[in-house]
Amino acid sequence: MRVYILYLMSIYTMLSSGRCRRAPAASRSRRRAAGRHRLGDAPRRRYVGKGTNNVELIISNFSSKPIYEQITSQIKAQIIAGQLAEGEQLPSIRALANSLRVSAITTKRAYADLESQGFIETVQGKGSFVAGGNKELIREEHLREIEGYLSRAVEAGRDLGLEPAELREMLDLLLDQDE
């Protein structure tokens, strides 16, 4: 408590002595326009590649996901959706980092995660490319996503006290509805 009071007293002293003063409104608005945003704003950065590097990413500084995970998930989603074809070259680590204004270590981590999951291949001195033979990998990824949805539905049904037979009946009705 004593430290807090001393801190407030020092701020008051600086403000009253003129050593520390608030910037004029025009200066504050220029800072916001230059990329410094008020709390609550969600600045987004995007990269649209040229030529063979057709990657479009939207990165949010205020997302709960780390930036490398945002990059990984968006590139993975574009590969799964077929927007990035097999053998297509991705932007270099430095080019992507510069355009997103993030560290090269961040983009390197994202590319390393994608490579470990089998979505991209990196050739030393050439760059990173969408991995070939992804059809089975993409199918597995879709199956995992569907399993996640189904497990959430089962969990919600159990929370409501539904019996397994009732859940199966609901699923059968939904499947018959589409036919």
N, C-alpha and C. Protein backbone atom coordinates (compact mmCIF):
# COMPACT_ATOMS: atom_id res chain seq x y z
N MET A 1 0.82 -1.18 0.00
CA MET A 1 0.00 0.00 0.00
C MET A 1 0.87 1.25 0.00
N ARG A 2 1.96 1.22 0.76
CA ARG A 2 2.85 2.37 0.86
C ARG A 2 3.51 2.67 -0.49
N VAL A 3 3.88 1.59 -1.23
CA VAL A 3 4.51 1.76 -2.54
C VAL A 3 3.54 2.39 -3.52
N TYR A 4 2.30 1.98 -3.47
CA TYR A 4 1.28 2.50 -4.36
C TYR A 4 1.08 4.00 -4.13
N ILE A 5 1.04 4.43 -2.87
CA ILE A 5 0.86 5.84 -2.55
C ILE A 5 2.07 6.64 -3.03
N LEU A 6 3.28 6.12 -2.81
CA LEU A 6 4.48 6.81 -3.28
C LEU A 6 4.47 6.93 -4.80
N TYR A 7 4.02 5.89 -5.49
CA TYR A 7 3.96 5.90 -6.95
C TYR A 7 3.00 7.00 -7.42
N LEU A 8 1.83 7.09 -6.79
CA LEU A 8 0.86 8.12 -7.16
C LEU A 8 1.40 9.52 -6.87
N MET A 9 2.12 9.65 -5.76
CA MET A 9 2.69 10.95 -5.42
C MET A 9 3.74 11.36 -6.45
N SER A 10 4.54 10.41 -6.93
CA SER A 10 5.56 10.75 -7.92
C SER A 10 4.92 11.12 -9.25
N ILE A 11 3.85 10.47 -9.63
CA ILE A 11 3.14 10.82 -10.86
C ILE A 11 2.56 12.22 -10.73
N TYR A 12 1.96 12.53 -9.60
CA TYR A 12 1.39 13.85 -9.37
C TYR A 12 2.48 14.92 -9.43
N THR A 13 3.63 14.64 -8.86
CA THR A 13 4.74 15.59 -8.86
C THR A 13 5.21 15.85 -10.29
N MET A 14 5.34 14.79 -11.09
CA MET A 14 5.81 14.98 -12.47
C MET A 14 4.79 15.77 -13.28
N LEU A 15 3.52 15.49 -13.10
CA LEU A 15 2.49 16.20 -13.85
C LEU A 15 2.43 17.67 -13.45
N SER A 16 2.54 17.94 -12.18
CA SER A 16 2.44 19.33 -11.72
C SER A 16 3.69 20.12 -12.07
N SER A 17 4.85 19.46 -12.19
CA SER A 17 6.07 20.19 -12.50
C SER A 17 6.24 20.42 -14.00
N GLY A 18 5.44 19.75 -14.82
CA GLY A 18 5.52 19.95 -16.26
C GLY A 18 6.52 19.03 -16.94
N ARG A 19 7.19 18.14 -16.19
CA ARG A 19 8.16 17.23 -16.80
C ARG A 19 7.47 16.17 -17.65
N CYS A 20 6.26 15.86 -17.32
CA CYS A 20 5.52 14.83 -18.04
C CYS A 20 4.18 15.40 -18.40
N ARG A 21 3.89 15.49 -19.69
CA ARG A 21 2.58 16.02 -20.06
C ARG A 21 1.99 15.17 -21.17
N ARG A 22 0.74 15.26 -21.30
CA ARG A 22 0.02 14.46 -22.27
C ARG A 22 0.21 15.05 -23.67
N ALA A 23 0.36 14.17 -24.65
CA ALA A 23 0.54 14.62 -26.03
C ALA A 23 -0.76 15.24 -26.53
N PRO A 24 -0.66 16.21 -27.45
CA PRO A 24 -1.87 16.81 -28.01
C PRO A 24 -2.70 15.76 -28.75
N ALA A 25 -3.98 16.03 -28.90
CA ALA A 25 -4.90 15.06 -29.51
C ALA A 25 -4.47 14.68 -30.92
N ALA A 26 -3.96 15.63 -31.69
CA ALA A 26 -3.54 15.32 -33.07
C ALA A 26 -2.41 14.29 -33.07
N SER A 27 -1.50 14.42 -32.13
CA SER A 27 -0.39 13.47 -32.04
C SER A 27 -0.88 12.09 -31.67
N ARG A 28 -1.86 12.01 -30.75
CA ARG A 28 -2.41 10.71 -30.34
C ARG A 28 -3.09 10.02 -31.51
N SER A 29 -3.83 10.77 -32.32
CA SER A 29 -4.53 10.14 -33.44
C SER A 29 -3.54 9.66 -34.50
N ARG A 30 -2.42 10.38 -34.67
CA ARG A 30 -1.40 9.93 -35.63
C ARG A 30 -0.80 8.61 -35.17
N ARG A 31 -0.57 8.46 -33.85
CA ARG A 31 -0.01 7.22 -33.33
C ARG A 31 -0.96 6.06 -33.58
N ARG A 32 -2.26 6.29 -33.37
CA ARG A 32 -3.23 5.23 -33.62
C ARG A 32 -3.24 4.87 -35.09
N ALA A 33 -3.15 5.86 -35.96
CA ALA A 33 -3.15 5.58 -37.39
C ALA A 33 -1.89 4.85 -37.81
N ALA A 34 -0.81 5.03 -37.06
CA ALA A 34 0.46 4.39 -37.40
C ALA A 34 0.52 2.95 -36.90
N GLY A 35 -0.54 2.47 -36.27
CA GLY A 35 -0.54 1.07 -35.86
C GLY A 35 -0.71 0.85 -34.38
N ARG A 36 -0.65 1.89 -33.59
CA ARG A 36 -0.90 1.73 -32.16
C ARG A 36 -2.37 1.98 -31.93
N HIS A 37 -3.08 0.98 -31.47
CA HIS A 37 -4.52 1.06 -31.35
C HIS A 37 -4.95 1.11 -29.90
N ARG A 38 -6.13 1.64 -29.71
CA ARG A 38 -6.70 1.64 -28.38
C ARG A 38 -7.03 0.23 -27.98
N LEU A 39 -7.09 0.00 -26.69
CA LEU A 39 -7.46 -1.32 -26.18
C LEU A 39 -8.85 -1.66 -26.66
N GLY A 40 -9.04 -2.85 -27.15
CA GLY A 40 -10.33 -3.26 -27.66
C GLY A 40 -10.35 -3.30 -29.18
N ASP A 41 -9.56 -2.45 -29.84
CA ASP A 41 -9.45 -2.53 -31.28
C ASP A 41 -8.70 -3.80 -31.61
N ALA A 42 -8.98 -4.39 -32.73
CA ALA A 42 -8.29 -5.62 -33.11
C ALA A 42 -7.59 -5.41 -34.44
N PRO A 43 -6.38 -4.85 -34.42
CA PRO A 43 -5.69 -4.65 -35.68
C PRO A 43 -5.37 -5.98 -36.33
N ARG A 44 -5.53 -6.05 -37.61
CA ARG A 44 -5.28 -7.28 -38.33
C ARG A 44 -4.25 -6.99 -39.41
N ARG A 45 -3.37 -7.95 -39.62
CA ARG A 45 -2.38 -7.83 -40.67
C ARG A 45 -2.63 -8.94 -41.66
N ARG A 46 -2.42 -8.66 -42.92
CA ARG A 46 -2.68 -9.69 -43.89
C ARG A 46 -1.54 -9.75 -44.88
N TYR A 47 -1.31 -10.92 -45.40
CA TYR A 47 -0.29 -11.13 -46.42
C TYR A 47 -0.96 -11.75 -47.62
N VAL A 48 -0.82 -11.13 -48.75
CA VAL A 48 -1.30 -11.70 -49.99
C VAL A 48 -0.09 -11.82 -50.88
N GLY A 49 0.27 -13.04 -51.19
CA GLY A 49 1.47 -13.27 -51.98
C GLY A 49 1.27 -12.96 -53.45
N LYS A 50 2.35 -12.81 -54.13
CA LYS A 50 2.32 -12.54 -55.57
C LYS A 50 2.84 -13.77 -56.29
N GLY A 51 2.38 -13.97 -57.49
CA GLY A 51 2.88 -15.07 -58.30
C GLY A 51 2.48 -16.41 -57.72
N THR A 52 3.47 -17.24 -57.43
CA THR A 52 3.18 -18.59 -56.96
C THR A 52 2.89 -18.62 -55.47
N ASN A 53 3.13 -17.55 -54.75
CA ASN A 53 2.93 -17.53 -53.29
C ASN A 53 1.54 -16.99 -52.95
N ASN A 54 0.49 -17.73 -53.28
CA ASN A 54 -0.88 -17.27 -53.10
C ASN A 54 -1.39 -17.57 -51.70
N VAL A 55 -0.77 -17.06 -50.70
CA VAL A 55 -1.19 -17.30 -49.32
C VAL A 55 -1.81 -16.03 -48.78
N GLU A 56 -2.99 -16.17 -48.20
CA GLU A 56 -3.63 -15.02 -47.57
C GLU A 56 -3.86 -15.34 -46.11
N LEU A 57 -3.30 -14.53 -45.25
CA LEU A 57 -3.40 -14.76 -43.80
C LEU A 57 -3.94 -13.51 -43.13
N ILE A 58 -4.75 -13.71 -42.11
CA ILE A 58 -5.24 -12.61 -41.29
C ILE A 58 -4.81 -12.92 -39.86
N ILE A 59 -3.98 -12.06 -39.32
CA ILE A 59 -3.41 -12.26 -37.99
C ILE A 59 -3.99 -11.22 -37.05
N SER A 60 -4.46 -11.67 -35.89
CA SER A 60 -5.01 -10.77 -34.89
C SER A 60 -4.07 -10.72 -33.68
N ASN A 61 -3.70 -9.53 -33.29
CA ASN A 61 -2.84 -9.37 -32.12
C ASN A 61 -3.57 -9.65 -30.83
N PHE A 62 -4.89 -9.58 -30.86
CA PHE A 62 -5.67 -9.73 -29.64
C PHE A 62 -6.32 -11.10 -29.54
N SER A 63 -5.95 -12.03 -30.39
CA SER A 63 -6.48 -13.38 -30.32
C SER A 63 -5.84 -14.11 -29.15
N SER A 64 -6.56 -15.08 -28.60
CA SER A 64 -5.99 -15.87 -27.51
C SER A 64 -4.98 -16.88 -28.04
N LYS A 65 -5.03 -17.16 -29.36
CA LYS A 65 -4.08 -18.08 -29.96
C LYS A 65 -2.77 -17.35 -30.27
N PRO A 66 -1.64 -17.99 -30.04
CA PRO A 66 -0.36 -17.38 -30.42
C PRO A 66 -0.30 -17.17 -31.93
N ILE A 67 0.52 -16.23 -32.37
CA ILE A 67 0.59 -15.88 -33.79
C ILE A 67 1.04 -17.07 -34.63
N TYR A 68 2.00 -17.87 -34.13
CA TYR A 68 2.46 -19.00 -34.93
C TYR A 68 1.34 -20.02 -35.13
N GLU A 69 0.45 -20.17 -34.14
CA GLU A 69 -0.69 -21.08 -34.30
C GLU A 69 -1.71 -20.53 -35.29
N GLN A 70 -1.88 -19.20 -35.31
CA GLN A 70 -2.78 -18.59 -36.28
C GLN A 70 -2.28 -18.84 -37.70
N ILE A 71 -0.97 -18.67 -37.89
CA ILE A 71 -0.38 -18.90 -39.21
C ILE A 71 -0.54 -20.37 -39.59
N THR A 72 -0.20 -21.28 -38.66
CA THR A 72 -0.28 -22.72 -38.93
C THR A 72 -1.70 -23.13 -39.30
N SER A 73 -2.66 -22.72 -38.50
CA SER A 73 -4.04 -23.15 -38.73
C SER A 73 -4.60 -22.60 -40.04
N GLN A 74 -4.23 -21.37 -40.40
CA GLN A 74 -4.76 -20.79 -41.63
C GLN A 74 -4.14 -21.41 -42.87
N ILE A 75 -2.83 -21.69 -42.83
CA ILE A 75 -2.20 -22.35 -43.97
C ILE A 75 -2.73 -23.78 -44.09
N LYS A 76 -2.88 -24.46 -42.97
CA LYS A 76 -3.42 -25.83 -42.98
C LYS A 76 -4.83 -25.84 -43.56
N ALA A 77 -5.65 -24.87 -43.17
CA ALA A 77 -7.02 -24.78 -43.67
C ALA A 77 -7.04 -24.54 -45.18
N GLN A 78 -6.11 -23.73 -45.67
CA GLN A 78 -6.05 -23.46 -47.12
C GLN A 78 -5.60 -24.69 -47.88
N ILE A 79 -4.72 -25.48 -47.29
CA ILE A 79 -4.28 -26.73 -47.94
C ILE A 79 -5.44 -27.72 -47.97
N ILE A 80 -6.14 -27.86 -46.85
CA ILE A 80 -7.26 -28.79 -46.76
C ILE A 80 -8.38 -28.40 -47.73
N ALA A 81 -8.64 -27.10 -47.83
CA ALA A 81 -9.71 -26.62 -48.71
C ALA A 81 -9.32 -26.69 -50.19
N GLY A 82 -8.04 -26.95 -50.48
CA GLY A 82 -7.60 -27.03 -51.86
C GLY A 82 -7.21 -25.70 -52.46
N GLN A 83 -7.16 -24.64 -51.65
CA GLN A 83 -6.75 -23.33 -52.15
C GLN A 83 -5.26 -23.31 -52.46
N LEU A 84 -4.49 -24.12 -51.75
CA LEU A 84 -3.06 -24.28 -52.02
C LEU A 84 -2.87 -25.67 -52.60
N ALA A 85 -2.43 -25.72 -53.83
CA ALA A 85 -2.31 -27.00 -54.53
C ALA A 85 -1.01 -27.71 -54.15
N GLU A 86 -0.99 -28.99 -54.39
CA GLU A 86 0.19 -29.82 -54.14
C GLU A 86 1.37 -29.29 -54.96
N GLY A 87 2.50 -29.11 -54.29
CA GLY A 87 3.70 -28.62 -54.96
C GLY A 87 3.81 -27.11 -55.07
N GLU A 88 2.78 -26.40 -54.63
CA GLU A 88 2.80 -24.94 -54.71
C GLU A 88 3.78 -24.37 -53.68
N GLN A 89 4.54 -23.37 -54.10
CA GLN A 89 5.54 -22.79 -53.21
C GLN A 89 4.90 -21.79 -52.26
N LEU A 90 5.32 -21.88 -51.00
CA LEU A 90 4.87 -20.94 -49.99
C LEU A 90 5.86 -19.79 -49.92
N PRO A 91 5.45 -18.65 -49.35
CA PRO A 91 6.40 -17.54 -49.19
C PRO A 91 7.57 -17.96 -48.30
N SER A 92 8.71 -17.35 -48.51
CA SER A 92 9.85 -17.67 -47.66
C SER A 92 9.57 -17.21 -46.23
N ILE A 93 10.30 -17.76 -45.31
CA ILE A 93 10.11 -17.43 -43.90
C ILE A 93 10.30 -15.92 -43.67
N ARG A 94 11.34 -15.37 -44.25
CA ARG A 94 11.61 -13.93 -44.07
C ARG A 94 10.57 -13.06 -44.73
N ALA A 95 10.16 -13.44 -45.95
CA ALA A 95 9.16 -12.64 -46.67
C ALA A 95 7.84 -12.61 -45.90
N LEU A 96 7.42 -13.77 -45.40
CA LEU A 96 6.19 -13.83 -44.63
C LEU A 96 6.31 -13.04 -43.33
N ALA A 97 7.44 -13.17 -42.66
CA ALA A 97 7.66 -12.44 -41.41
C ALA A 97 7.65 -10.93 -41.64
N ASN A 98 8.29 -10.48 -42.71
CA ASN A 98 8.32 -9.05 -43.00
C ASN A 98 6.94 -8.51 -43.34
N SER A 99 6.18 -9.25 -44.14
CA SER A 99 4.87 -8.76 -44.54
C SER A 99 3.87 -8.77 -43.38
N LEU A 100 4.01 -9.73 -42.47
CA LEU A 100 3.13 -9.77 -41.30
C LEU A 100 3.65 -8.90 -40.16
N ARG A 101 4.89 -8.44 -40.30
CA ARG A 101 5.56 -7.66 -39.25
C ARG A 101 5.65 -8.44 -37.94
N VAL A 102 6.10 -9.69 -38.08
CA VAL A 102 6.35 -10.53 -36.92
C VAL A 102 7.78 -11.04 -37.02
N SER A 103 8.23 -11.69 -36.00
CA SER A 103 9.59 -12.22 -35.98
C SER A 103 9.71 -13.40 -36.96
N ALA A 104 10.89 -13.53 -37.54
CA ALA A 104 11.14 -14.67 -38.42
C ALA A 104 11.09 -15.98 -37.63
N ILE A 105 11.39 -15.92 -36.35
CA ILE A 105 11.33 -17.10 -35.49
C ILE A 105 9.87 -17.60 -35.40
N THR A 106 8.92 -16.67 -35.38
CA THR A 106 7.51 -17.03 -35.32
C THR A 106 7.09 -17.79 -36.57
N THR A 107 7.45 -17.26 -37.74
CA THR A 107 7.07 -17.94 -38.99
C THR A 107 7.84 -19.25 -39.14
N LYS A 108 9.07 -19.29 -38.66
CA LYS A 108 9.85 -20.53 -38.72
C LYS A 108 9.18 -21.60 -37.87
N ARG A 109 8.67 -21.23 -36.72
CA ARG A 109 7.97 -22.18 -35.85
C ARG A 109 6.70 -22.69 -36.53
N ALA A 110 5.96 -21.79 -37.18
CA ALA A 110 4.73 -22.20 -37.88
C ALA A 110 5.06 -23.18 -39.00
N TYR A 111 6.10 -22.88 -39.79
CA TYR A 111 6.50 -23.77 -40.88
C TYR A 111 7.00 -25.11 -40.34
N ALA A 112 7.72 -25.08 -39.22
CA ALA A 112 8.21 -26.33 -38.62
C ALA A 112 7.04 -27.20 -38.16
N ASP A 113 6.01 -26.58 -37.58
CA ASP A 113 4.83 -27.33 -37.16
C ASP A 113 4.12 -27.93 -38.36
N LEU A 114 3.97 -27.15 -39.42
CA LEU A 114 3.32 -27.66 -40.63
C LEU A 114 4.12 -28.81 -41.25
N GLU A 115 5.44 -28.70 -41.20
CA GLU A 115 6.28 -29.75 -41.76
C GLU A 115 6.20 -31.02 -40.91
N SER A 116 6.18 -30.86 -39.60
CA SER A 116 6.09 -32.04 -38.73
C SER A 116 4.74 -32.75 -38.87
N GLN A 117 3.70 -32.00 -39.23
CA GLN A 117 2.39 -32.58 -39.43
C GLN A 117 2.23 -33.14 -40.84
N GLY A 118 3.22 -32.90 -41.71
CA GLY A 118 3.19 -33.46 -43.05
C GLY A 118 2.48 -32.62 -44.09
N PHE A 119 2.17 -31.37 -43.78
CA PHE A 119 1.46 -30.53 -44.73
C PHE A 119 2.38 -29.85 -45.73
N ILE A 120 3.61 -29.55 -45.31
CA ILE A 120 4.56 -28.90 -46.23
C ILE A 120 5.89 -29.65 -46.19
N GLU A 121 6.68 -29.40 -47.21
CA GLU A 121 8.04 -29.92 -47.29
C GLU A 121 8.97 -28.74 -47.52
N THR A 122 10.09 -28.74 -46.84
CA THR A 122 11.06 -27.66 -47.00
C THR A 122 12.30 -28.22 -47.67
N VAL A 123 12.73 -27.54 -48.74
CA VAL A 123 13.93 -27.92 -49.47
C VAL A 123 14.96 -26.84 -49.22
N GLN A 124 16.09 -27.23 -48.67
CA GLN A 124 17.14 -26.27 -48.34
C GLN A 124 17.54 -25.47 -49.58
N GLY A 125 17.51 -24.17 -49.47
CA GLY A 125 17.92 -23.29 -50.56
C GLY A 125 16.84 -23.04 -51.60
N LYS A 126 15.75 -23.77 -51.55
CA LYS A 126 14.67 -23.61 -52.54
C LYS A 126 13.42 -23.00 -51.91
N GLY A 127 13.09 -23.41 -50.70
CA GLY A 127 11.89 -22.88 -50.04
C GLY A 127 11.00 -23.98 -49.51
N SER A 128 9.78 -23.59 -49.16
CA SER A 128 8.80 -24.53 -48.62
C SER A 128 7.69 -24.72 -49.63
N PHE A 129 7.24 -25.96 -49.77
CA PHE A 129 6.23 -26.31 -50.75
C PHE A 129 5.14 -27.13 -50.08
N VAL A 130 3.92 -27.06 -50.64
CA VAL A 130 2.83 -27.89 -50.15
C VAL A 130 3.19 -29.33 -50.47
N ALA A 131 3.11 -30.19 -49.46
CA ALA A 131 3.53 -31.58 -49.60
C ALA A 131 2.62 -32.33 -50.56
N GLY A 132 3.22 -33.26 -51.30
CA GLY A 132 2.46 -34.11 -52.21
C GLY A 132 1.87 -35.29 -51.47
N GLY A 133 0.84 -35.88 -52.04
CA GLY A 133 0.23 -37.05 -51.42
C GLY A 133 -0.51 -36.73 -50.14
N ASN A 134 -1.13 -35.56 -50.08
CA ASN A 134 -1.81 -35.12 -48.87
C ASN A 134 -3.22 -35.66 -48.74
N LYS A 135 -3.72 -36.38 -49.73
CA LYS A 135 -5.13 -36.77 -49.73
C LYS A 135 -5.50 -37.56 -48.48
N GLU A 136 -4.69 -38.54 -48.11
CA GLU A 136 -4.98 -39.34 -46.92
C GLU A 136 -4.82 -38.51 -45.65
N LEU A 137 -3.80 -37.64 -45.63
CA LEU A 137 -3.57 -36.77 -44.48
C LEU A 137 -4.74 -35.80 -44.31
N ILE A 138 -5.22 -35.26 -45.41
CA ILE A 138 -6.36 -34.33 -45.36
C ILE A 138 -7.61 -35.06 -44.89
N ARG A 139 -7.80 -36.29 -45.38
CA ARG A 139 -8.96 -37.09 -44.93
C ARG A 139 -8.89 -37.33 -43.43
N GLU A 140 -7.72 -37.67 -42.92
CA GLU A 140 -7.55 -37.89 -41.48
C GLU A 140 -7.86 -36.62 -40.69
N GLU A 141 -7.43 -35.50 -41.20
CA GLU A 141 -7.67 -34.22 -40.53
C GLU A 141 -9.18 -33.94 -40.48
N HIS A 142 -9.88 -34.18 -41.58
CA HIS A 142 -11.33 -34.00 -41.60
C HIS A 142 -12.01 -34.95 -40.62
N LEU A 143 -11.56 -36.22 -40.58
CA LEU A 143 -12.15 -37.19 -39.66
C LEU A 143 -11.96 -36.76 -38.20
N ARG A 144 -10.77 -36.23 -37.88
CA ARG A 144 -10.52 -35.75 -36.52
C ARG A 144 -11.45 -34.60 -36.16
N GLU A 145 -11.68 -33.71 -37.13
CA GLU A 145 -12.57 -32.58 -36.91
C GLU A 145 -14.00 -33.06 -36.66
N ILE A 146 -14.46 -34.02 -37.46
CA ILE A 146 -15.81 -34.57 -37.29
C ILE A 146 -15.93 -35.29 -35.95
N GLU A 147 -14.90 -36.05 -35.57
CA GLU A 147 -14.91 -36.72 -34.27
C GLU A 147 -15.03 -35.73 -33.13
N GLY A 148 -14.37 -34.58 -33.28
CA GLY A 148 -14.48 -33.52 -32.26
C GLY A 148 -15.90 -33.01 -32.14
N TYR A 149 -16.56 -32.78 -33.29
CA TYR A 149 -17.95 -32.32 -33.26
C TYR A 149 -18.85 -33.36 -32.61
N LEU A 150 -18.66 -34.63 -32.99
CA LEU A 150 -19.49 -35.69 -32.44
C LEU A 150 -19.27 -35.85 -30.94
N SER A 151 -18.02 -35.76 -30.50
CA SER A 151 -17.76 -35.90 -29.06
C SER A 151 -18.39 -34.75 -28.27
N ARG A 152 -18.41 -33.56 -28.85
CA ARG A 152 -19.08 -32.44 -28.16
C ARG A 152 -20.58 -32.66 -28.10
N ALA A 153 -21.15 -33.23 -29.18
CA ALA A 153 -22.59 -33.52 -29.20
C ALA A 153 -22.93 -34.58 -28.16
N VAL A 154 -22.10 -35.63 -28.06
CA VAL A 154 -22.33 -36.68 -27.07
C VAL A 154 -22.22 -36.10 -25.66
N GLU A 155 -21.24 -35.26 -25.45
CA GLU A 155 -21.06 -34.65 -24.12
C GLU A 155 -22.26 -33.78 -23.76
N ALA A 156 -22.76 -33.00 -24.74
CA ALA A 156 -23.94 -32.17 -24.48
C ALA A 156 -25.16 -33.03 -24.19
N GLY A 157 -25.30 -34.16 -24.90
CA GLY A 157 -26.40 -35.07 -24.65
C GLY A 157 -26.33 -35.69 -23.27
N ARG A 158 -25.12 -36.07 -22.85
CA ARG A 158 -24.95 -36.63 -21.50
C ARG A 158 -25.26 -35.60 -20.42
N ASP A 159 -24.87 -34.34 -20.70
CA ASP A 159 -25.18 -33.27 -19.74
C ASP A 159 -26.68 -33.10 -19.56
N LEU A 160 -27.43 -33.37 -20.64
CA LEU A 160 -28.89 -33.27 -20.57
C LEU A 160 -29.54 -34.54 -20.02
N GLY A 161 -28.74 -35.59 -19.84
CA GLY A 161 -29.25 -36.84 -19.29
C GLY A 161 -29.82 -37.78 -20.35
N LEU A 162 -29.45 -37.60 -21.61
CA LEU A 162 -29.94 -38.48 -22.67
C LEU A 162 -29.24 -39.82 -22.61
N GLU A 163 -29.97 -40.86 -22.96
CA GLU A 163 -29.42 -42.21 -23.03
C GLU A 163 -28.70 -42.40 -24.36
N PRO A 164 -27.74 -43.32 -24.42
CA PRO A 164 -27.05 -43.57 -25.69
C PRO A 164 -27.99 -43.95 -26.83
N ALA A 165 -29.06 -44.67 -26.52
CA ALA A 165 -30.02 -45.05 -27.55
C ALA A 165 -30.71 -43.82 -28.14
N GLU A 166 -31.01 -42.83 -27.29
CA GLU A 166 -31.63 -41.59 -27.77
C GLU A 166 -30.68 -40.81 -28.67
N LEU A 167 -29.41 -40.79 -28.30
CA LEU A 167 -28.42 -40.10 -29.12
C LEU A 167 -28.29 -40.78 -30.49
N ARG A 168 -28.25 -42.11 -30.50
CA ARG A 168 -28.16 -42.85 -31.77
C ARG A 168 -29.38 -42.57 -32.64
N GLU A 169 -30.55 -42.53 -32.01
CA GLU A 169 -31.79 -42.26 -32.74
C GLU A 169 -31.75 -40.87 -33.38
N MET A 170 -31.24 -39.89 -32.62
CA MET A 170 -31.12 -38.53 -33.16
C MET A 170 -30.17 -38.50 -34.35
N LEU A 171 -29.05 -39.20 -34.23
CA LEU A 171 -28.08 -39.24 -35.33
C LEU A 171 -28.68 -39.93 -36.55
N ASP A 172 -29.40 -41.02 -36.32
CA ASP A 172 -30.05 -41.72 -37.43
C ASP A 172 -31.07 -40.82 -38.13
N LEU A 173 -31.84 -40.06 -37.34
CA LEU A 173 -32.81 -39.14 -37.93
C LEU A 173 -32.11 -38.08 -38.79
N LEU A 174 -31.01 -37.55 -38.29
CA LEU A 174 -30.27 -36.55 -39.05
C LEU A 174 -29.69 -37.13 -40.33
N LEU A 175 -29.20 -38.36 -40.25
CA LEU A 175 -28.65 -39.00 -41.45
C LEU A 175 -29.74 -39.32 -42.48
N ASP A 176 -30.91 -39.76 -42.01
CA ASP A 176 -32.03 -40.05 -42.92
C ASP A 176 -32.62 -38.79 -43.52
N GLN A 177 -32.51 -37.69 -42.79
CA GLN A 177 -33.07 -36.42 -43.25
C GLN A 177 -32.38 -35.96 -44.53
N ASP A 178 -31.09 -36.19 -44.67
CA ASP A 178 -30.35 -35.74 -45.84
C ASP A 178 -30.60 -36.59 -47.08
N GLU A 179 -31.10 -37.82 -46.88
CA GLU A 179 -31.31 -38.72 -48.02
C GLU A 179 -32.55 -38.46 -48.75
